[in-house]
Amino acid sequence: MSDSISTSSAPKPVGSYPHARRVGNLLFLSGVGPRVAGSGNGDSVVPGLEISTEGEVLKFDFEAQVHAVFANVKAVLEASGSSWEELVDVTVFLVDMSRDFEAFNRIYAEYFAHLGKNRPCRTTVEINCLPTPIAIELKCTATVQ
């Protein structure tokens, strides 16, 4: 038995899938990006990103995207009856490892410092692109009591 979970607290998925799915006491989050929930057509606003009408990037702030993706993960966790402390595994997708890994690693450490030895497992990989103009996406697994 499993339950699909969707929430208006996180940006709408860009495809036909739920924000998360609970199976027993495990919670599997779909890929979560930094788009802003309720920001218009398909939740299209990305913090720190400005794109010209021709599609050129005018402004880019990777750190703003990291904080936004963490806020979105937290929103999905809470809507699912879980929490940040219940994360057991995080897969990180970066579109530019050499440019963004150091900043991501620093911010990640800040968000998980309070967990001490109970931090989640983590894998970070570089990918060519994501389906929207974002630089980061997280795939997470957590427990639910």
C-alpha atoms as a PDB file:
ATOM      1  CA  MET A   1       0.000   0.000   0.000  1.00  0.00           C
ATOM      2  CA  SER A   2       1.290   3.450  -0.850  1.00  0.00           C
ATOM      3  CA  ASP A   3       0.052   7.009  -0.729  1.00  0.00           C
ATOM      4  CA  SER A   4       0.813   9.765  -3.247  1.00  0.00           C
ATOM      5  CA  ILE A   5       1.398  13.194  -1.748  1.00  0.00           C
ATOM      6  CA  SER A   6       1.075  16.591  -3.392  1.00  0.00           C
ATOM      7  CA  THR A   7       1.211  19.998  -1.744  1.00  0.00           C
ATOM      8  CA  SER A   8       0.669  23.611  -2.774  1.00  0.00           C
ATOM      9  CA  SER A   9       3.593  24.522  -0.468  1.00  0.00           C
ATOM     10  CA  ALA A  10       6.055  23.312  -3.109  1.00  0.00           C
ATOM     11  CA  PRO A  11       6.263  24.122  -6.820  1.00  0.00           C
ATOM     12  CA  LYS A  12       4.102  22.026  -9.110  1.00  0.00           C
ATOM     13  CA  PRO A  13       5.899  19.026 -10.631  1.00  0.00           C
ATOM     14  CA  VAL A  14       6.917  19.615 -14.244  1.00  0.00           C
ATOM     15  CA  GLY A  15       5.502  16.234 -15.247  1.00  0.00           C
ATOM     16  CA  SER A  16       2.829  13.729 -14.334  1.00  0.00           C
ATOM     17  CA  TYR A  17       4.064  12.618 -10.908  1.00  0.00           C
ATOM     18  CA  PRO A  18       3.405  13.444  -7.230  1.00  0.00           C
ATOM     19  CA  HIS A  19       5.703  15.415  -4.949  1.00  0.00           C
ATOM     20  CA  ALA A  20       6.245  12.275  -2.884  1.00  0.00           C
ATOM     21  CA  ARG A  21       5.069   8.766  -2.319  1.00  0.00           C
ATOM     22  CA  ARG A  22       4.844   7.032   1.020  1.00  0.00           C
ATOM     23  CA  VAL A  23       5.381   3.265   1.178  1.00  0.00           C
ATOM     24  CA  GLY A  24       5.207   1.900   4.711  1.00  0.00           C
ATOM     25  CA  ASN A  25       7.403   4.123   6.832  1.00  0.00           C
ATOM     26  CA  LEU A  26       9.503   5.291   3.867  1.00  0.00           C
ATOM     27  CA  LEU A  27       8.934   8.500   1.939  1.00  0.00           C
ATOM     28  CA  PHE A  28      10.313   8.915  -1.579  1.00  0.00           C
ATOM     29  CA  LEU A  29      10.421  12.475  -2.905  1.00  0.00           C
ATOM     30  CA  SER A  30      10.309  13.124  -6.625  1.00  0.00           C
ATOM     31  CA  GLY A  31      13.036  15.407  -7.931  1.00  0.00           C
ATOM     32  CA  VAL A  32      12.741  18.789  -6.206  1.00  0.00           C
ATOM     33  CA  GLY A  33      14.112  21.966  -7.758  1.00  0.00           C
ATOM     34  CA  PRO A  34      14.381  25.584  -6.600  1.00  0.00           C
ATOM     35  CA  ARG A  35      11.339  27.019  -8.396  1.00  0.00           C
ATOM     36  CA  VAL A  36       9.041  29.187  -6.250  1.00  0.00           C
ATOM     37  CA  ALA A  37       5.636  27.684  -5.383  1.00  0.00           C
ATOM     38  CA  GLY A  38       2.697  29.758  -6.601  1.00  0.00           C
ATOM     39  CA  SER A  39       4.883  32.011  -8.755  1.00  0.00           C
ATOM     40  CA  GLY A  40       2.694  31.890 -11.815  1.00  0.00           C
ATOM     41  CA  ASN A  41       2.564  29.804 -14.934  1.00  0.00           C
ATOM     42  CA  GLY A  42       3.857  26.418 -13.817  1.00  0.00           C
ATOM     43  CA  ASP A  43       5.662  27.922 -10.814  1.00  0.00           C
ATOM     44  CA  SER A  44       8.249  29.290 -13.219  1.00  0.00           C
ATOM     45  CA  VAL A  45      10.172  31.755 -11.024  1.00  0.00           C
ATOM     46  CA  VAL A  46      13.654  30.553 -10.063  1.00  0.00           C
ATOM     47  CA  PRO A  47      15.322  32.566  -7.275  1.00  0.00           C
ATOM     48  CA  GLY A  48      18.335  34.526  -8.468  1.00  0.00           C
ATOM     49  CA  LEU A  49      17.673  33.789 -12.151  1.00  0.00           C
ATOM     50  CA  GLU A  50      16.758  36.353 -14.763  1.00  0.00           C
ATOM     51  CA  ILE A  51      16.398  35.349 -18.407  1.00  0.00           C
ATOM     52  CA  SER A  52      15.953  37.720 -21.353  1.00  0.00           C
ATOM     53  CA  THR A  53      13.075  37.320 -23.793  1.00  0.00           C
ATOM     54  CA  GLU A  54      15.656  35.770 -26.145  1.00  0.00           C
ATOM     55  CA  GLY A  55      16.507  33.119 -23.546  1.00  0.00           C
ATOM     56  CA  GLU A  56      19.866  34.534 -22.436  1.00  0.00           C
ATOM     57  CA  VAL A  57      20.758  34.336 -18.745  1.00  0.00           C
ATOM     58  CA  LEU A  58      21.005  37.902 -17.426  1.00  0.00           C
ATOM     59  CA  LYS A  59      21.473  37.098 -13.745  1.00  0.00           C
ATOM     60  CA  PHE A  60      22.344  33.872 -11.952  1.00  0.00           C
ATOM     61  CA  ASP A  61      22.614  33.169  -8.211  1.00  0.00           C
ATOM     62  CA  PHE A  62      23.388  29.533  -7.444  1.00  0.00           C
ATOM     63  CA  GLU A  63      23.314  30.036  -3.662  1.00  0.00           C
ATOM     64  CA  ALA A  64      19.763  31.417  -3.870  1.00  0.00           C
ATOM     65  CA  GLN A  65      18.787  28.263  -5.782  1.00  0.00           C
ATOM     66  CA  VAL A  66      20.325  26.032  -3.090  1.00  0.00           C
ATOM     67  CA  HIS A  67      18.382  27.761  -0.297  1.00  0.00           C
ATOM     68  CA  ALA A  68      15.182  27.539  -2.382  1.00  0.00           C
ATOM     69  CA  VAL A  69      15.603  23.827  -3.141  1.00  0.00           C
ATOM     70  CA  PHE A  70      16.117  23.107   0.568  1.00  0.00           C
ATOM     71  CA  ALA A  71      12.965  25.100   1.401  1.00  0.00           C
ATOM     72  CA  ASN A  72      11.014  23.099  -1.191  1.00  0.00           C
ATOM     73  CA  VAL A  73      12.292  19.761   0.155  1.00  0.00           C
ATOM     74  CA  LYS A  74      11.310  20.834   3.660  1.00  0.00           C
ATOM     75  CA  ALA A  75       7.816  21.804   2.429  1.00  0.00           C
ATOM     76  CA  VAL A  76       7.287  18.389   0.819  1.00  0.00           C
ATOM     77  CA  LEU A  77       8.620  16.573   3.887  1.00  0.00           C
ATOM     78  CA  GLU A  78       6.304  18.477   6.229  1.00  0.00           C
ATOM     79  CA  ALA A  79       3.278  18.020   3.950  1.00  0.00           C
ATOM     80  CA  SER A  80       4.048  14.298   4.034  1.00  0.00           C
ATOM     81  CA  GLY A  81       4.233  14.034   7.823  1.00  0.00           C
ATOM     82  CA  SER A  82       8.023  13.850   7.900  1.00  0.00           C
ATOM     83  CA  SER A  83      10.789  16.345   8.652  1.00  0.00           C
ATOM     84  CA  TRP A  84      14.327  17.424   7.805  1.00  0.00           C
ATOM     85  CA  GLU A  85      15.625  15.231  10.633  1.00  0.00           C
ATOM     86  CA  GLU A  86      14.059  12.134   9.023  1.00  0.00           C
ATOM     87  CA  LEU A  87      16.021  12.383   5.758  1.00  0.00           C
ATOM     88  CA  VAL A  88      18.083   9.238   5.198  1.00  0.00           C
ATOM     89  CA  ASP A  89      19.395   9.727   1.651  1.00  0.00           C
ATOM     90  CA  VAL A  90      19.888  12.737  -0.641  1.00  0.00           C
ATOM     91  CA  THR A  91      20.916  12.581  -4.286  1.00  0.00           C
ATOM     92  CA  VAL A  92      22.099  15.924  -5.662  1.00  0.00           C
ATOM     93  CA  PHE A  93      22.046  16.754  -9.362  1.00  0.00           C
ATOM     94  CA  LEU A  94      24.229  19.713 -10.391  1.00  0.00           C
ATOM     95  CA  VAL A  95      24.510  21.010 -13.943  1.00  0.00           C
ATOM     96  CA  ASP A  96      28.034  22.381 -13.307  1.00  0.00           C
ATOM     97  CA  MET A  97      30.033  20.499 -10.688  1.00  0.00           C
ATOM     98  CA  SER A  98      33.224  22.534 -11.023  1.00  0.00           C
ATOM     99  CA  ARG A  99      31.413  25.852 -10.664  1.00  0.00           C
ATOM    100  CA  ASP A 100      28.845  24.926  -7.997  1.00  0.00           C
ATOM    101  CA  PHE A 101      30.057  22.024  -5.822  1.00  0.00           C
ATOM    102  CA  GLU A 102      32.050  24.083  -3.320  1.00  0.00           C
ATOM    103  CA  ALA A 103      29.165  26.486  -2.642  1.00  0.00           C
ATOM    104  CA  PHE A 104      26.666  23.638  -2.454  1.00  0.00           C
ATOM    105  CA  ASN A 105      28.823  21.656  -0.055  1.00  0.00           C
ATOM    106  CA  ARG A 106      29.241  24.679   2.245  1.00  0.00           C
ATOM    107  CA  ILE A 107      25.507  25.465   2.356  1.00  0.00           C
ATOM    108  CA  TYR A 108      24.588  21.774   2.727  1.00  0.00           C
ATOM    109  CA  ALA A 109      26.877  21.524   5.767  1.00  0.00           C
ATOM    110  CA  GLU A 110      25.071  24.492   7.371  1.00  0.00           C
ATOM    111  CA  TYR A 111      21.639  22.897   6.876  1.00  0.00           C
ATOM    112  CA  PHE A 112      22.687  19.546   8.322  1.00  0.00           C
ATOM    113  CA  ALA A 113      25.157  20.569  11.056  1.00  0.00           C
ATOM    114  CA  HIS A 114      22.565  20.150  13.836  1.00  0.00           C
ATOM    115  CA  LEU A 115      22.126  16.468  12.961  1.00  0.00           C
ATOM    116  CA  GLY A 116      25.662  15.538  13.998  1.00  0.00           C
ATOM    117  CA  LYS A 117      26.338  11.897  13.135  1.00  0.00           C
ATOM    118  CA  ASN A 118      22.724  11.399  11.994  1.00  0.00           C
ATOM    119  CA  ARG A 119      23.184  13.275   8.718  1.00  0.00           C
ATOM    120  CA  PRO A 120      21.672  11.563   5.657  1.00  0.00           C
ATOM    121  CA  CYS A 121      23.740   9.691   3.109  1.00  0.00           C
ATOM    122  CA  ARG A 122      24.483  11.788   0.029  1.00  0.00           C
ATOM    123  CA  THR A 123      25.478  11.336  -3.586  1.00  0.00           C
ATOM    124  CA  THR A 124      26.306  14.302  -5.829  1.00  0.00           C
ATOM    125  CA  VAL A 125      26.446  13.939  -9.595  1.00  0.00           C
ATOM    126  CA  GLU A 126      26.840  16.281 -12.533  1.00  0.00           C
ATOM    127  CA  ILE A 127      24.266  16.112 -15.304  1.00  0.00           C
ATOM    128  CA  ASN A 128      24.006  17.904 -18.652  1.00  0.00           C
ATOM    129  CA  CYS A 129      20.750  19.727 -17.969  1.00  0.00           C
ATOM    130  CA  LEU A 130      17.478  19.721 -16.071  1.00  0.00           C
ATOM    131  CA  PRO A 131      13.983  20.136 -17.573  1.00  0.00           C
ATOM    132  CA  THR A 132      13.685  23.775 -16.487  1.00  0.00           C
ATOM    133  CA  PRO A 133      16.402  26.492 -16.350  1.00  0.00           C
ATOM    134  CA  ILE A 134      17.711  25.466 -12.916  1.00  0.00           C
ATOM    135  CA  ALA A 135      21.196  24.466 -11.752  1.00  0.00           C
ATOM    136  CA  ILE A 136      20.254  22.002  -8.991  1.00  0.00           C
ATOM    137  CA  GLU A 137      17.717  19.311  -8.165  1.00  0.00           C
ATOM    138  CA  LEU A 138      17.469  16.962  -5.165  1.00  0.00           C
ATOM    139  CA  LYS A 139      16.038  13.445  -4.934  1.00  0.00           C
ATOM    140  CA  CYS A 140      15.415  12.435  -1.318  1.00  0.00           C
ATOM    141  CA  THR A 141      14.319   9.498   0.806  1.00  0.00           C
ATOM    142  CA  ALA A 142      13.076   9.965   4.366  1.00  0.00           C
ATOM    143  CA  THR A 143      11.275   8.046   7.059  1.00  0.00           C
ATOM    144  CA  VAL A 144       7.771   8.782   8.315  1.00  0.00           C
ATOM    145  CA  GLN A 145       6.597   7.804  11.777  1.00  0.00           C
END
